[in-house]
Amino acid sequence: MAVQLNHTIVSASDRWASARFLAELLGRPAPTSFGPFAVVELDNGVSLDFSEDGPVTPRHYAFLVSEEEFDAIFGRIRARGLAYWADPGRRRPGEINTHDGGRGVYWTDPDGHFLEIITRPYGG
């Protein structure tokens, strides 16, 4: 078997609120419960397991999506009035990027995690 990422734990001040926020924006099914975690399942068998395990240190999470998914997710970001940027340095607010012939955008979740969707892997 090849080595694959199966899940990662995401610190949150409110695991259910953060998991629902991400699931709704990405168009995923509602989070499920597994032990102390609120779990968001992705299409490639990887899950993000939200946990209230202490102080939250914001991290970066990037999601590879199709062009159609990008349009839907970006539409939900804009419909919620969320701030978004074309770059990780947040110098291009209200824009998307077109790196590697695709599209990408960054935004934050309620705990400050820096989220990103891209339609092409970087360097591709």
PDB file of N, CA and C in Angstrom:
ATOM      1  N   MET A   1       0.839  -1.180   0.000  1.00  0.00           N
ATOM      2  CA  MET A   1       0.000   0.000   0.000  1.00  0.00           C
ATOM      3  C   MET A   1       0.883   1.242   0.000  1.00  0.00           C
ATOM      4  N   ALA A   2       0.518   2.207  -0.763  1.00  0.00           N
ATOM      5  CA  ALA A   2       1.232   3.483  -0.788  1.00  0.00           C
ATOM      6  C   ALA A   2       0.940   4.260   0.495  1.00  0.00           C
ATOM      7  N   VAL A   3       1.862   5.114   0.876  1.00  0.00           N
ATOM      8  CA  VAL A   3       1.648   5.953   2.040  1.00  0.00           C
ATOM      9  C   VAL A   3       0.678   7.062   1.654  1.00  0.00           C
ATOM     10  N   GLN A   4      -0.404   7.200   2.426  1.00  0.00           N
ATOM     11  CA  GLN A   4      -1.420   8.209   2.164  1.00  0.00           C
ATOM     12  C   GLN A   4      -1.794   8.899   3.461  1.00  0.00           C
ATOM     13  N   LEU A   5      -2.110  10.171   3.364  1.00  0.00           N
ATOM     14  CA  LEU A   5      -2.647  10.880   4.527  1.00  0.00           C
ATOM     15  C   LEU A   5      -4.064  10.398   4.757  1.00  0.00           C
ATOM     16  N   ASN A   6      -4.387  10.025   5.998  1.00  0.00           N
ATOM     17  CA  ASN A   6      -5.716   9.522   6.335  1.00  0.00           C
ATOM     18  C   ASN A   6      -6.556  10.591   7.041  1.00  0.00           C
ATOM     19  N   HIS A   7      -5.959  11.302   8.003  1.00  0.00           N
ATOM     20  CA  HIS A   7      -6.669  12.363   8.716  1.00  0.00           C
ATOM     21  C   HIS A   7      -5.655  13.276   9.394  1.00  0.00           C
ATOM     22  N   THR A   8      -6.128  14.443   9.757  1.00  0.00           N
ATOM     23  CA  THR A   8      -5.326  15.350  10.564  1.00  0.00           C
ATOM     24  C   THR A   8      -6.255  16.025  11.556  1.00  0.00           C
ATOM     25  N   ILE A   9      -5.715  16.393  12.697  1.00  0.00           N
ATOM     26  CA  ILE A   9      -6.511  17.046  13.733  1.00  0.00           C
ATOM     27  C   ILE A   9      -6.374  18.554  13.575  1.00  0.00           C
ATOM     28  N   VAL A  10      -7.508  19.233  13.609  1.00  0.00           N
ATOM     29  CA  VAL A  10      -7.564  20.681  13.490  1.00  0.00           C
ATOM     30  C   VAL A  10      -8.053  21.237  14.823  1.00  0.00           C
ATOM     31  N   SER A  11      -7.238  22.056  15.471  1.00  0.00           N
ATOM     32  CA  SER A  11      -7.645  22.678  16.730  1.00  0.00           C
ATOM     33  C   SER A  11      -8.703  23.740  16.476  1.00  0.00           C
ATOM     34  N   ALA A  12      -9.691  23.770  17.352  1.00  0.00           N
ATOM     35  CA  ALA A  12     -10.784  24.729  17.202  1.00  0.00           C
ATOM     36  C   ALA A  12     -11.290  25.149  18.575  1.00  0.00           C
ATOM     37  N   SER A  13     -11.772  26.374  18.667  1.00  0.00           N
ATOM     38  CA  SER A  13     -12.377  26.822  19.919  1.00  0.00           C
ATOM     39  C   SER A  13     -13.767  26.203  20.086  1.00  0.00           C
ATOM     40  N   ASP A  14     -14.448  25.934  18.976  1.00  0.00           N
ATOM     41  CA  ASP A  14     -15.740  25.239  18.964  1.00  0.00           C
ATOM     42  C   ASP A  14     -15.699  24.254  17.799  1.00  0.00           C
ATOM     43  N   ARG A  15     -15.420  22.995  18.089  1.00  0.00           N
ATOM     44  CA  ARG A  15     -15.192  22.003  17.025  1.00  0.00           C
ATOM     45  C   ARG A  15     -16.367  21.888  16.074  1.00  0.00           C
ATOM     46  N   TRP A  16     -17.595  21.929  16.584  1.00  0.00           N
ATOM     47  CA  TRP A  16     -18.760  21.782  15.710  1.00  0.00           C
ATOM     48  C   TRP A  16     -18.964  22.996  14.828  1.00  0.00           C
ATOM     49  N   ALA A  17     -18.795  24.195  15.378  1.00  0.00           N
ATOM     50  CA  ALA A  17     -18.956  25.414  14.569  1.00  0.00           C
ATOM     51  C   ALA A  17     -17.902  25.453  13.465  1.00  0.00           C
ATOM     52  N   SER A  18     -16.661  25.130  13.800  1.00  0.00           N
ATOM     53  CA  SER A  18     -15.591  25.162  12.798  1.00  0.00           C
ATOM     54  C   SER A  18     -15.774  24.083  11.742  1.00  0.00           C
ATOM     55  N   ALA A  19     -16.163  22.881  12.168  1.00  0.00           N
ATOM     56  CA  ALA A  19     -16.375  21.791  11.208  1.00  0.00           C
ATOM     57  C   ALA A  19     -17.545  22.107  10.288  1.00  0.00           C
ATOM     58  N   ARG A  20     -18.630  22.645  10.829  1.00  0.00           N
ATOM     59  CA  ARG A  20     -19.779  23.014   9.986  1.00  0.00           C
ATOM     60  C   ARG A  20     -19.407  24.120   9.008  1.00  0.00           C
ATOM     61  N   PHE A  21     -18.640  25.114   9.473  1.00  0.00           N
ATOM     62  CA  PHE A  21     -18.199  26.216   8.617  1.00  0.00           C
ATOM     63  C   PHE A  21     -17.475  25.661   7.395  1.00  0.00           C
ATOM     64  N   LEU A  22     -16.502  24.782   7.623  1.00  0.00           N
ATOM     65  CA  LEU A  22     -15.723  24.229   6.518  1.00  0.00           C
ATOM     66  C   LEU A  22     -16.590  23.338   5.628  1.00  0.00           C
ATOM     67  N   ALA A  23     -17.357  22.450   6.228  1.00  0.00           N
ATOM     68  CA  ALA A  23     -18.192  21.533   5.445  1.00  0.00           C
ATOM     69  C   ALA A  23     -19.171  22.305   4.562  1.00  0.00           C
ATOM     70  N   GLU A  24     -19.795  23.333   5.104  1.00  0.00           N
ATOM     71  CA  GLU A  24     -20.747  24.115   4.324  1.00  0.00           C
ATOM     72  C   GLU A  24     -20.070  24.826   3.167  1.00  0.00           C
ATOM     73  N   LEU A  25     -18.919  25.472   3.431  1.00  0.00           N
ATOM     74  CA  LEU A  25     -18.240  26.193   2.357  1.00  0.00           C
ATOM     75  C   LEU A  25     -17.737  25.259   1.271  1.00  0.00           C
ATOM     76  N   LEU A  26     -17.217  24.098   1.661  1.00  0.00           N
ATOM     77  CA  LEU A  26     -16.691  23.162   0.668  1.00  0.00           C
ATOM     78  C   LEU A  26     -17.789  22.318   0.018  1.00  0.00           C
ATOM     79  N   GLY A  27     -19.018  22.443   0.505  1.00  0.00           N
ATOM     80  CA  GLY A  27     -20.099  21.644  -0.063  1.00  0.00           C
ATOM     81  C   GLY A  27     -20.016  20.180   0.323  1.00  0.00           C
ATOM     82  N   ARG A  28     -19.499  19.912   1.503  1.00  0.00           N
ATOM     83  CA  ARG A  28     -19.348  18.546   2.007  1.00  0.00           C
ATOM     84  C   ARG A  28     -20.559  18.176   2.855  1.00  0.00           C
ATOM     85  N   PRO A  29     -20.755  16.882   3.115  1.00  0.00           N
ATOM     86  CA  PRO A  29     -21.814  16.478   4.038  1.00  0.00           C
ATOM     87  C   PRO A  29     -21.561  17.054   5.433  1.00  0.00           C
ATOM     88  N   ALA A  30     -22.604  17.114   6.225  1.00  0.00           N
ATOM     89  CA  ALA A  30     -22.473  17.613   7.598  1.00  0.00           C
ATOM     90  C   ALA A  30     -21.427  16.795   8.355  1.00  0.00           C
ATOM     91  N   PRO A  31     -20.697  17.438   9.250  1.00  0.00           N
ATOM     92  CA  PRO A  31     -19.694  16.716  10.036  1.00  0.00           C
ATOM     93  C   PRO A  31     -20.339  15.593  10.853  1.00  0.00           C
ATOM     94  N   THR A  32     -19.546  14.565  11.119  1.00  0.00           N
ATOM     95  CA  THR A  32     -19.978  13.461  11.967  1.00  0.00           C
ATOM     96  C   THR A  32     -19.133  13.448  13.231  1.00  0.00           C
ATOM     97  N   SER A  33     -19.580  12.692  14.199  1.00  0.00           N
ATOM     98  CA  SER A  33     -18.879  12.597  15.467  1.00  0.00           C
ATOM     99  C   SER A  33     -18.053  11.321  15.506  1.00  0.00           C
ATOM    100  N   PHE A  34     -16.822  11.431  15.974  1.00  0.00           N
ATOM    101  CA  PHE A  34     -15.988  10.268  16.244  1.00  0.00           C
ATOM    102  C   PHE A  34     -15.208  10.593  17.512  1.00  0.00           C
ATOM    103  N   GLY A  35     -15.572   9.980  18.606  1.00  0.00           N
ATOM    104  CA  GLY A  35     -14.940  10.304  19.896  1.00  0.00           C
ATOM    105  C   GLY A  35     -15.086  11.781  20.185  1.00  0.00           C
ATOM    106  N   PRO A  36     -13.988  12.444  20.499  1.00  0.00           N
ATOM    107  CA  PRO A  36     -14.058  13.876  20.822  1.00  0.00           C
ATOM    108  C   PRO A  36     -13.977  14.787  19.585  1.00  0.00           C
ATOM    109  N   PHE A  37     -14.109  14.222  18.390  1.00  0.00           N
ATOM    110  CA  PHE A  37     -13.886  14.974  17.160  1.00  0.00           C
ATOM    111  C   PHE A  37     -15.174  15.238  16.383  1.00  0.00           C
ATOM    112  N   ALA A  38     -15.204  16.370  15.693  1.00  0.00           N
ATOM    113  CA  ALA A  38     -16.206  16.671  14.666  1.00  0.00           C
ATOM    114  C   ALA A  38     -15.477  16.471  13.346  1.00  0.00           C
ATOM    115  N   VAL A  39     -15.899  15.494  12.563  1.00  0.00           N
ATOM    116  CA  VAL A  39     -15.133  15.015  11.418  1.00  0.00           C
ATOM    117  C   VAL A  39     -15.737  15.496  10.095  1.00  0.00           C
ATOM    118  N   VAL A  40     -14.886  16.121   9.261  1.00  0.00           N
ATOM    119  CA  VAL A  40     -15.274  16.515   7.909  1.00  0.00           C
ATOM    120  C   VAL A  40     -14.546  15.580   6.949  1.00  0.00           C
ATOM    121  N   GLU A  41     -15.322  14.812   6.194  1.00  0.00           N
ATOM    122  CA  GLU A  41     -14.760  13.861   5.232  1.00  0.00           C
ATOM    123  C   GLU A  41     -14.547  14.536   3.881  1.00  0.00           C
ATOM    124  N   LEU A  42     -13.402  14.270   3.266  1.00  0.00           N
ATOM    125  CA  LEU A  42     -13.106  14.764   1.925  1.00  0.00           C
ATOM    126  C   LEU A  42     -13.228  13.608   0.937  1.00  0.00           C
ATOM    127  N   ASP A  43     -13.225  13.909  -0.351  1.00  0.00           N
ATOM    128  CA  ASP A  43     -13.456  12.890  -1.370  1.00  0.00           C
ATOM    129  C   ASP A  43     -12.332  11.878  -1.517  1.00  0.00           C
ATOM    130  N   ASN A  44     -11.131  12.190  -1.080  1.00  0.00           N
ATOM    131  CA  ASN A  44     -10.004  11.288  -1.295  1.00  0.00           C
ATOM    132  C   ASN A  44      -9.703  10.413  -0.079  1.00  0.00           C
ATOM    133  N   GLY A  45     -10.697  10.244   0.796  1.00  0.00           N
ATOM    134  CA  GLY A  45     -10.513   9.385   1.958  1.00  0.00           C
ATOM    135  C   GLY A  45      -9.802  10.045   3.120  1.00  0.00           C
ATOM    136  N   VAL A  46      -9.505  11.315   3.025  1.00  0.00           N
ATOM    137  CA  VAL A  46      -8.859  12.068   4.100  1.00  0.00           C
ATOM    138  C   VAL A  46      -9.940  12.796   4.887  1.00  0.00           C
ATOM    139  N   SER A  47      -9.752  12.869   6.194  1.00  0.00           N
ATOM    140  CA  SER A  47     -10.696  13.640   6.999  1.00  0.00           C
ATOM    141  C   SER A  47      -9.956  14.691   7.815  1.00  0.00           C
ATOM    142  N   LEU A  48     -10.667  15.760   8.097  1.00  0.00           N
ATOM    143  CA  LEU A  48     -10.202  16.782   9.028  1.00  0.00           C
ATOM    144  C   LEU A  48     -11.013  16.582  10.299  1.00  0.00           C
ATOM    145  N   ASP A  49     -10.315  16.307  11.386  1.00  0.00           N
ATOM    146  CA  ASP A  49     -10.956  15.977  12.651  1.00  0.00           C
ATOM    147  C   ASP A  49     -10.792  17.162  13.608  1.00  0.00           C
ATOM    148  N   PHE A  50     -11.863  17.911  13.797  1.00  0.00           N
ATOM    149  CA  PHE A  50     -11.823  19.116  14.614  1.00  0.00           C
ATOM    150  C   PHE A  50     -11.916  18.754  16.087  1.00  0.00           C
ATOM    151  N   SER A  51     -11.033  19.383  16.884  1.00  0.00           N
ATOM    152  CA  SER A  51     -10.925  19.064  18.294  1.00  0.00           C
ATOM    153  C   SER A  51     -10.731  20.338  19.108  1.00  0.00           C
ATOM    154  N   GLU A  52     -11.315  20.347  20.287  1.00  0.00           N
ATOM    155  CA  GLU A  52     -11.120  21.458  21.231  1.00  0.00           C
ATOM    156  C   GLU A  52     -10.032  21.021  22.210  1.00  0.00           C
ATOM    157  N   ASP A  53      -8.797  21.021  21.744  1.00  0.00           N
ATOM    158  CA  ASP A  53      -7.707  20.446  22.529  1.00  0.00           C
ATOM    159  C   ASP A  53      -6.717  21.469  23.061  1.00  0.00           C
ATOM    160  N   GLY A  54      -7.166  22.669  23.345  1.00  0.00           N
ATOM    161  CA  GLY A  54      -6.272  23.669  23.908  1.00  0.00           C
ATOM    162  C   GLY A  54      -6.239  24.911  23.061  1.00  0.00           C
ATOM    163  N   PRO A  55      -5.262  25.765  23.285  1.00  0.00           N
ATOM    164  CA  PRO A  55      -5.188  27.005  22.511  1.00  0.00           C
ATOM    165  C   PRO A  55      -5.044  26.718  21.015  1.00  0.00           C
ATOM    166  N   VAL A  56      -5.726  27.516  20.223  1.00  0.00           N
ATOM    167  CA  VAL A  56      -5.688  27.332  18.771  1.00  0.00           C
ATOM    168  C   VAL A  56      -4.514  28.118  18.196  1.00  0.00           C
ATOM    169  N   THR A  57      -3.663  27.429  17.453  1.00  0.00           N
ATOM    170  CA  THR A  57      -2.603  28.061  16.685  1.00  0.00           C
ATOM    171  C   THR A  57      -3.010  27.944  15.227  1.00  0.00           C
ATOM    172  N   PRO A  58      -3.336  29.066  14.576  1.00  0.00           N
ATOM    173  CA  PRO A  58      -3.806  28.978  13.194  1.00  0.00           C
ATOM    174  C   PRO A  58      -2.797  28.284  12.274  1.00  0.00           C
ATOM    175  N   ARG A  59      -3.328  27.435  11.418  1.00  0.00           N
ATOM    176  CA  ARG A  59      -2.556  26.691  10.436  1.00  0.00           C
ATOM    177  C   ARG A  59      -3.134  26.952   9.055  1.00  0.00           C
ATOM    178  N   HIS A  60      -2.472  26.394   8.042  1.00  0.00           N
ATOM    179  CA  HIS A  60      -2.907  26.545   6.660  1.00  0.00           C
ATOM    180  C   HIS A  60      -3.398  25.197   6.139  1.00  0.00           C
ATOM    181  N   TYR A  61      -4.564  25.218   5.496  1.00  0.00           N
ATOM    182  CA  TYR A  61      -5.126  24.015   4.881  1.00  0.00           C
ATOM    183  C   TYR A  61      -5.528  24.364   3.460  1.00  0.00           C
ATOM    184  N   ALA A  62      -5.005  23.610   2.479  1.00  0.00           N
ATOM    185  CA  ALA A  62      -5.284  23.866   1.063  1.00  0.00           C
ATOM    186  C   ALA A  62      -6.038  22.682   0.475  1.00  0.00           C
ATOM    187  N   PHE A  63      -7.007  22.985  -0.381  1.00  0.00           N
ATOM    188  CA  PHE A  63      -7.867  21.966  -0.981  1.00  0.00           C
ATOM    189  C   PHE A  63      -7.820  22.093  -2.493  1.00  0.00           C
ATOM    190  N   LEU A  64      -7.536  20.983  -3.165  1.00  0.00           N
ATOM    191  CA  LEU A  64      -7.544  20.932  -4.617  1.00  0.00           C
ATOM    192  C   LEU A  64      -8.972  20.622  -5.056  1.00  0.00           C
ATOM    193  N   VAL A  65      -9.546  21.483  -5.892  1.00  0.00           N
ATOM    194  CA  VAL A  65     -10.943  21.342  -6.313  1.00  0.00           C
ATOM    195  C   VAL A  65     -11.039  21.495  -7.832  1.00  0.00           C
ATOM    196  N   SER A  66     -12.152  21.058  -8.388  1.00  0.00           N
ATOM    197  CA  SER A  66     -12.390  21.236  -9.822  1.00  0.00           C
ATOM    198  C   SER A  66     -12.784  22.691 -10.093  1.00  0.00           C
ATOM    199  N   GLU A  67     -12.807  23.053 -11.357  1.00  0.00           N
ATOM    200  CA  GLU A  67     -13.246  24.404 -11.732  1.00  0.00           C
ATOM    201  C   GLU A  67     -14.677  24.659 -11.270  1.00  0.00           C
ATOM    202  N   GLU A  68     -15.548  23.661 -11.443  1.00  0.00           N
ATOM    203  CA  GLU A  68     -16.949  23.803 -11.031  1.00  0.00           C
ATOM    204  C   GLU A  68     -17.065  23.951  -9.519  1.00  0.00           C
ATOM    205  N   GLU A  69     -16.289  23.144  -8.787  1.00  0.00           N
ATOM    206  CA  GLU A  69     -16.299  23.253  -7.326  1.00  0.00           C
ATOM    207  C   GLU A  69     -15.764  24.610  -6.882  1.00  0.00           C
ATOM    208  N   PHE A  70     -14.720  25.097  -7.562  1.00  0.00           N
ATOM    209  CA  PHE A  70     -14.185  26.419  -7.236  1.00  0.00           C
ATOM    210  C   PHE A  70     -15.297  27.464  -7.338  1.00  0.00           C
ATOM    211  N   ASP A  71     -16.034  27.446  -8.454  1.00  0.00           N
ATOM    212  CA  ASP A  71     -17.113  28.423  -8.636  1.00  0.00           C
ATOM    213  C   ASP A  71     -18.128  28.346  -7.508  1.00  0.00           C
ATOM    214  N   ALA A  72     -18.517  27.133  -7.130  1.00  0.00           N
ATOM    215  CA  ALA A  72     -19.514  26.969  -6.069  1.00  0.00           C
ATOM    216  C   ALA A  72     -18.980  27.429  -4.713  1.00  0.00           C
ATOM    217  N   ILE A  73     -17.753  27.013  -4.378  1.00  0.00           N
ATOM    218  CA  ILE A  73     -17.161  27.392  -3.090  1.00  0.00           C
ATOM    219  C   ILE A  73     -16.921  28.895  -3.033  1.00  0.00           C
ATOM    220  N   PHE A  74     -16.349  29.438  -4.094  1.00  0.00           N
ATOM    221  CA  PHE A  74     -16.079  30.877  -4.126  1.00  0.00           C
ATOM    222  C   PHE A  74     -17.398  31.658  -4.030  1.00  0.00           C
ATOM    223  N   GLY A  75     -18.451  31.156  -4.648  1.00  0.00           N
ATOM    224  CA  GLY A  75     -19.760  31.784  -4.529  1.00  0.00           C
ATOM    225  C   GLY A  75     -20.246  31.800  -3.094  1.00  0.00           C
ATOM    226  N   ARG A  76     -20.022  30.716  -2.346  1.00  0.00           N
ATOM    227  CA  ARG A  76     -20.428  30.672  -0.943  1.00  0.00           C
ATOM    228  C   ARG A  76     -19.570  31.609  -0.093  1.00  0.00           C
ATOM    229  N   ILE A  77     -18.291  31.718  -0.409  1.00  0.00           N
ATOM    230  CA  ILE A  77     -17.411  32.655   0.315  1.00  0.00           C
ATOM    231  C   ILE A  77     -17.935  34.077   0.138  1.00  0.00           C
ATOM    232  N   ARG A  78     -18.220  34.434  -1.092  1.00  0.00           N
ATOM    233  CA  ARG A  78     -18.716  35.794  -1.376  1.00  0.00           C
ATOM    234  C   ARG A  78     -20.103  36.015  -0.793  1.00  0.00           C
ATOM    235  N   ALA A  79     -20.980  35.011  -0.862  1.00  0.00           N
ATOM    236  CA  ALA A  79     -22.336  35.154  -0.324  1.00  0.00           C
ATOM    237  C   ALA A  79     -22.322  35.401   1.180  1.00  0.00           C
ATOM    238  N   ARG A  80     -21.339  34.854   1.868  1.00  0.00           N
ATOM    239  CA  ARG A  80     -21.207  35.073   3.316  1.00  0.00           C
ATOM    240  C   ARG A  80     -20.507  36.384   3.648  1.00  0.00           C
ATOM    241  N   GLY A  81     -20.004  37.070   2.619  1.00  0.00           N
ATOM    242  CA  GLY A  81     -19.297  38.324   2.865  1.00  0.00           C
ATOM    243  C   GLY A  81     -17.952  38.135   3.534  1.00  0.00           C
ATOM    244  N   LEU A  82     -17.332  36.970   3.314  1.00  0.00           N
ATOM    245  CA  LEU A  82     -16.029  36.701   3.928  1.00  0.00           C
ATOM    246  C   LEU A  82     -14.928  37.448   3.185  1.00  0.00           C
ATOM    247  N   ALA A  83     -13.949  37.908   3.932  1.00  0.00           N
ATOM    248  CA  ALA A  83     -12.762  38.508   3.321  1.00  0.00           C
ATOM    249  C   ALA A  83     -11.978  37.391   2.643  1.00  0.00           C
ATOM    250  N   TYR A  84     -11.388  37.700   1.479  1.00  0.00           N
ATOM    251  CA  TYR A  84     -10.575  36.723   0.771  1.00  0.00           C
ATOM    252  C   TYR A  84      -9.433  37.436   0.065  1.00  0.00           C
ATOM    253  N   TRP A  85      -8.401  36.643  -0.262  1.00  0.00           N
ATOM    254  CA  TRP A  85      -7.177  37.183  -0.851  1.00  0.00           C
ATOM    255  C   TRP A  85      -6.681  36.267  -1.965  1.00  0.00           C
ATOM    256  N   ALA A  86      -5.907  36.835  -2.865  1.00  0.00           N
ATOM    257  CA  ALA A  86      -5.284  36.066  -3.939  1.00  0.00           C
ATOM    258  C   ALA A  86      -3.937  35.502  -3.519  1.00  0.00           C
ATOM    259  N   ASP A  87      -3.433  35.939  -2.379  1.00  0.00           N
ATOM    260  CA  ASP A  87      -2.071  35.566  -1.982  1.00  0.00           C
ATOM    261  C   ASP A  87      -1.989  35.276  -0.492  1.00  0.00           C
ATOM    262  N   PRO A  88      -1.024  34.451  -0.097  1.00  0.00           N
ATOM    263  CA  PRO A  88      -0.893  34.117   1.322  1.00  0.00           C
ATOM    264  C   PRO A  88      -0.428  35.286   2.181  1.00  0.00           C
ATOM    265  N   GLY A  89       0.182  36.280   1.576  1.00  0.00           N
ATOM    266  CA  GLY A  89       0.609  37.467   2.327  1.00  0.00           C
ATOM    267  C   GLY A  89      -0.507  38.474   2.548  1.00  0.00           C
ATOM    268  N   ARG A  90      -1.673  38.205   1.991  1.00  0.00           N
ATOM    269  CA  ARG A  90      -2.865  39.044   2.136  1.00  0.00           C
ATOM    270  C   ARG A  90      -2.642  40.471   1.598  1.00  0.00           C
ATOM    271  N   ARG A  91      -1.844  40.560   0.528  1.00  0.00           N
ATOM    272  CA  ARG A  91      -1.585  41.858  -0.088  1.00  0.00           C
ATOM    273  C   ARG A  91      -2.542  42.146  -1.241  1.00  0.00           C
ATOM    274  N   ARG A  92      -3.309  41.113  -1.659  1.00  0.00           N
ATOM    275  CA  ARG A  92      -4.243  41.277  -2.779  1.00  0.00           C
ATOM    276  C   ARG A  92      -5.662  40.907  -2.343  1.00  0.00           C
ATOM    277  N   PRO A  93      -6.255  41.750  -1.471  1.00  0.00           N
ATOM    278  CA  PRO A  93      -7.607  41.446  -0.987  1.00  0.00           C
ATOM    279  C   PRO A  93      -8.641  41.568  -2.100  1.00  0.00           C
ATOM    280  N   GLY A  94      -9.687  40.746  -1.993  1.00  0.00           N
ATOM    281  CA  GLY A  94     -10.778  40.808  -2.954  1.00  0.00           C
ATOM    282  C   GLY A  94     -10.430  40.294  -4.331  1.00  0.00           C
ATOM    283  N   GLU A  95      -9.333  39.544  -4.461  1.00  0.00           N
ATOM    284  CA  GLU A  95      -8.902  39.004  -5.755  1.00  0.00           C
ATOM    285  C   GLU A  95      -8.682  37.502  -5.635  1.00  0.00           C
ATOM    286  N   ILE A  96      -8.614  36.821  -6.787  1.00  0.00           N
ATOM    287  CA  ILE A  96      -8.190  35.428  -6.851  1.00  0.00           C
ATOM    288  C   ILE A  96      -6.886  35.385  -7.640  1.00  0.00           C
ATOM    289  N   ASN A  97      -6.166  34.271  -7.559  1.00  0.00           N
ATOM    290  CA  ASN A  97      -4.945  34.136  -8.347  1.00  0.00           C
ATOM    291  C   ASN A  97      -5.180  33.175  -9.503  1.00  0.00           C
ATOM    292  N   THR A  98      -4.256  33.181 -10.441  1.00  0.00           N
ATOM    293  CA  THR A  98      -4.346  32.290 -11.606  1.00  0.00           C
ATOM    294  C   THR A  98      -3.020  31.544 -11.802  1.00  0.00           C
ATOM    295  N   HIS A  99      -2.430  31.104 -10.708  1.00  0.00           N
ATOM    296  CA  HIS A  99      -1.159  30.377 -10.763  1.00  0.00           C
ATOM    297  C   HIS A  99      -1.296  29.064 -11.533  1.00  0.00           C
ATOM    298  N   ASP A 100      -0.287  28.738 -12.299  1.00  0.00           N
ATOM    299  CA  ASP A 100      -0.196  27.467 -13.024  1.00  0.00           C
ATOM    300  C   ASP A 100      -1.397  27.218 -13.934  1.00  0.00           C
ATOM    301  N   GLY A 101      -2.024  28.303 -14.408  1.00  0.00           N
ATOM    302  CA  GLY A 101      -3.151  28.170 -15.311  1.00  0.00           C
ATOM    303  C   GLY A 101      -4.464  27.801 -14.640  1.00  0.00           C
ATOM    304  N   GLY A 102      -4.485  27.801 -13.320  1.00  0.00           N
ATOM    305  CA  GLY A 102      -5.701  27.498 -12.570  1.00  0.00           C
ATOM    306  C   GLY A 102      -6.178  28.728 -11.820  1.00  0.00           C
ATOM    307  N   ARG A 103      -6.992  28.509 -10.812  1.00  0.00           N
ATOM    308  CA  ARG A 103      -7.460  29.603  -9.963  1.00  0.00           C
ATOM    309  C   ARG A 103      -7.281  29.212  -8.505  1.00  0.00           C
ATOM    310  N   GLY A 104      -7.059  30.222  -7.671  1.00  0.00           N
ATOM    311  CA  GLY A 104      -6.905  29.984  -6.240  1.00  0.00           C
ATOM    312  C   GLY A 104      -7.355  31.176  -5.438  1.00  0.00           C
ATOM    313  N   VAL A 105      -7.751  30.898  -4.197  1.00  0.00           N
ATOM    314  CA  VAL A 105      -8.166  31.967  -3.291  1.00  0.00           C
ATOM    315  C   VAL A 105      -7.962  31.499  -1.848  1.00  0.00           C
ATOM    316  N   TYR A 106      -7.708  32.456  -0.971  1.00  0.00           N
ATOM    317  CA  TYR A 106      -7.479  32.212   0.456  1.00  0.00           C
ATOM    318  C   TYR A 106      -8.542  32.932   1.276  1.00  0.00           C
ATOM    319  N   TRP A 107      -8.907  32.351   2.419  1.00  0.00           N
ATOM    320  CA  TRP A 107      -9.790  33.005   3.386  1.00  0.00           C
ATOM    321  C   TRP A 107      -9.518  32.381   4.750  1.00  0.00           C
ATOM    322  N   THR A 108     -10.110  32.926   5.797  1.00  0.00           N
ATOM    323  CA  THR A 108      -9.880  32.396   7.138  1.00  0.00           C
ATOM    324  C   THR A 108     -11.170  31.810   7.712  1.00  0.00           C
ATOM    325  N   ASP A 109     -10.982  30.870   8.632  1.00  0.00           N
ATOM    326  CA  ASP A 109     -12.126  30.313   9.347  1.00  0.00           C
ATOM    327  C   ASP A 109     -12.293  31.065  10.665  1.00  0.00           C
ATOM    328  N   PRO A 110     -13.299  30.731  11.472  1.00  0.00           N
ATOM    329  CA  PRO A 110     -13.541  31.479  12.705  1.00  0.00           C
ATOM    330  C   PRO A 110     -12.374  31.502  13.689  1.00  0.00           C
ATOM    331  N   ASP A 111     -11.479  30.510  13.628  1.00  0.00           N
ATOM    332  CA  ASP A 111     -10.330  30.472  14.522  1.00  0.00           C
ATOM    333  C   ASP A 111      -9.060  31.018  13.896  1.00  0.00           C
ATOM    334  N   GLY A 112      -9.149  31.547  12.677  1.00  0.00           N
ATOM    335  CA  GLY A 112      -7.985  32.126  12.027  1.00  0.00           C
ATOM    336  C   GLY A 112      -7.188  31.163  11.177  1.00  0.00           C
ATOM    337  N   HIS A 113      -7.645  29.909  11.051  1.00  0.00           N
ATOM    338  CA  HIS A 113      -6.952  28.999  10.133  1.00  0.00           C
ATOM    339  C   HIS A 113      -7.058  29.578   8.729  1.00  0.00           C
ATOM    340  N   PHE A 114      -5.954  29.504   7.993  1.00  0.00           N
ATOM    341  CA  PHE A 114      -5.868  30.081   6.657  1.00  0.00           C
ATOM    342  C   PHE A 114      -6.218  28.989   5.651  1.00  0.00           C
ATOM    343  N   LEU A 115      -7.378  29.112   5.022  1.00  0.00           N
ATOM    344  CA  LEU A 115      -7.885  28.108   4.100  1.00  0.00           C
ATOM    345  C   LEU A 115      -7.642  28.539   2.664  1.00  0.00           C
ATOM    346  N   GLU A 116      -7.466  27.563   1.786  1.00  0.00           N
ATOM    347  CA  GLU A 116      -7.173  27.863   0.381  1.00  0.00           C
ATOM    348  C   GLU A 116      -7.827  26.816  -0.499  1.00  0.00           C
ATOM    349  N   ILE A 117      -8.372  27.270  -1.628  1.00  0.00           N
ATOM    350  CA  ILE A 117      -8.805  26.346  -2.674  1.00  0.00           C
ATOM    351  C   ILE A 117      -8.014  26.678  -3.925  1.00  0.00           C
ATOM    352  N   ILE A 118      -7.596  25.630  -4.637  1.00  0.00           N
ATOM    353  CA  ILE A 118      -6.878  25.785  -5.901  1.00  0.00           C
ATOM    354  C   ILE A 118      -7.444  24.783  -6.900  1.00  0.00           C
ATOM    355  N   THR A 119      -7.388  25.136  -8.159  1.00  0.00           N
ATOM    356  CA  THR A 119      -7.865  24.230  -9.202  1.00  0.00           C
ATOM    357  C   THR A 119      -6.728  23.479  -9.897  1.00  0.00           C
ATOM    358  N   ARG A 120      -5.493  23.875  -9.643  1.00  0.00           N
ATOM    359  CA  ARG A 120      -4.315  23.178 -10.184  1.00  0.00           C
ATOM    360  C   ARG A 120      -3.259  23.127  -9.090  1.00  0.00           C
ATOM    361  N   PRO A 121      -2.579  21.999  -8.945  1.00  0.00           N
ATOM    362  CA  PRO A 121      -1.494  21.951  -7.969  1.00  0.00           C
ATOM    363  C   PRO A 121      -0.400  22.946  -8.357  1.00  0.00           C
ATOM    364  N   TYR A 122       0.239  23.541  -7.373  1.00  0.00           N
ATOM    365  CA  TYR A 122       1.333  24.463  -7.651  1.00  0.00           C
ATOM    366  C   TYR A 122       2.506  23.725  -8.272  1.00  0.00           C
ATOM    367  N   GLY A 123       3.119  24.359  -9.243  1.00  0.00           N
ATOM    368  CA  GLY A 123       4.259  23.756  -9.922  1.00  0.00           C
ATOM    369  C   GLY A 123       3.863  22.704 -10.947  1.00  0.00           C
ATOM    370  N   GLY A 124       2.552  22.664 -11.257  1.00  0.00           N
ATOM    371  CA  GLY A 124       2.046  21.600 -12.133  1.00  0.00           C
ATOM    372  C   GLY A 124       2.173  21.912 -13.587  1.00  0.00           C
TER     373      GLY A 124
END
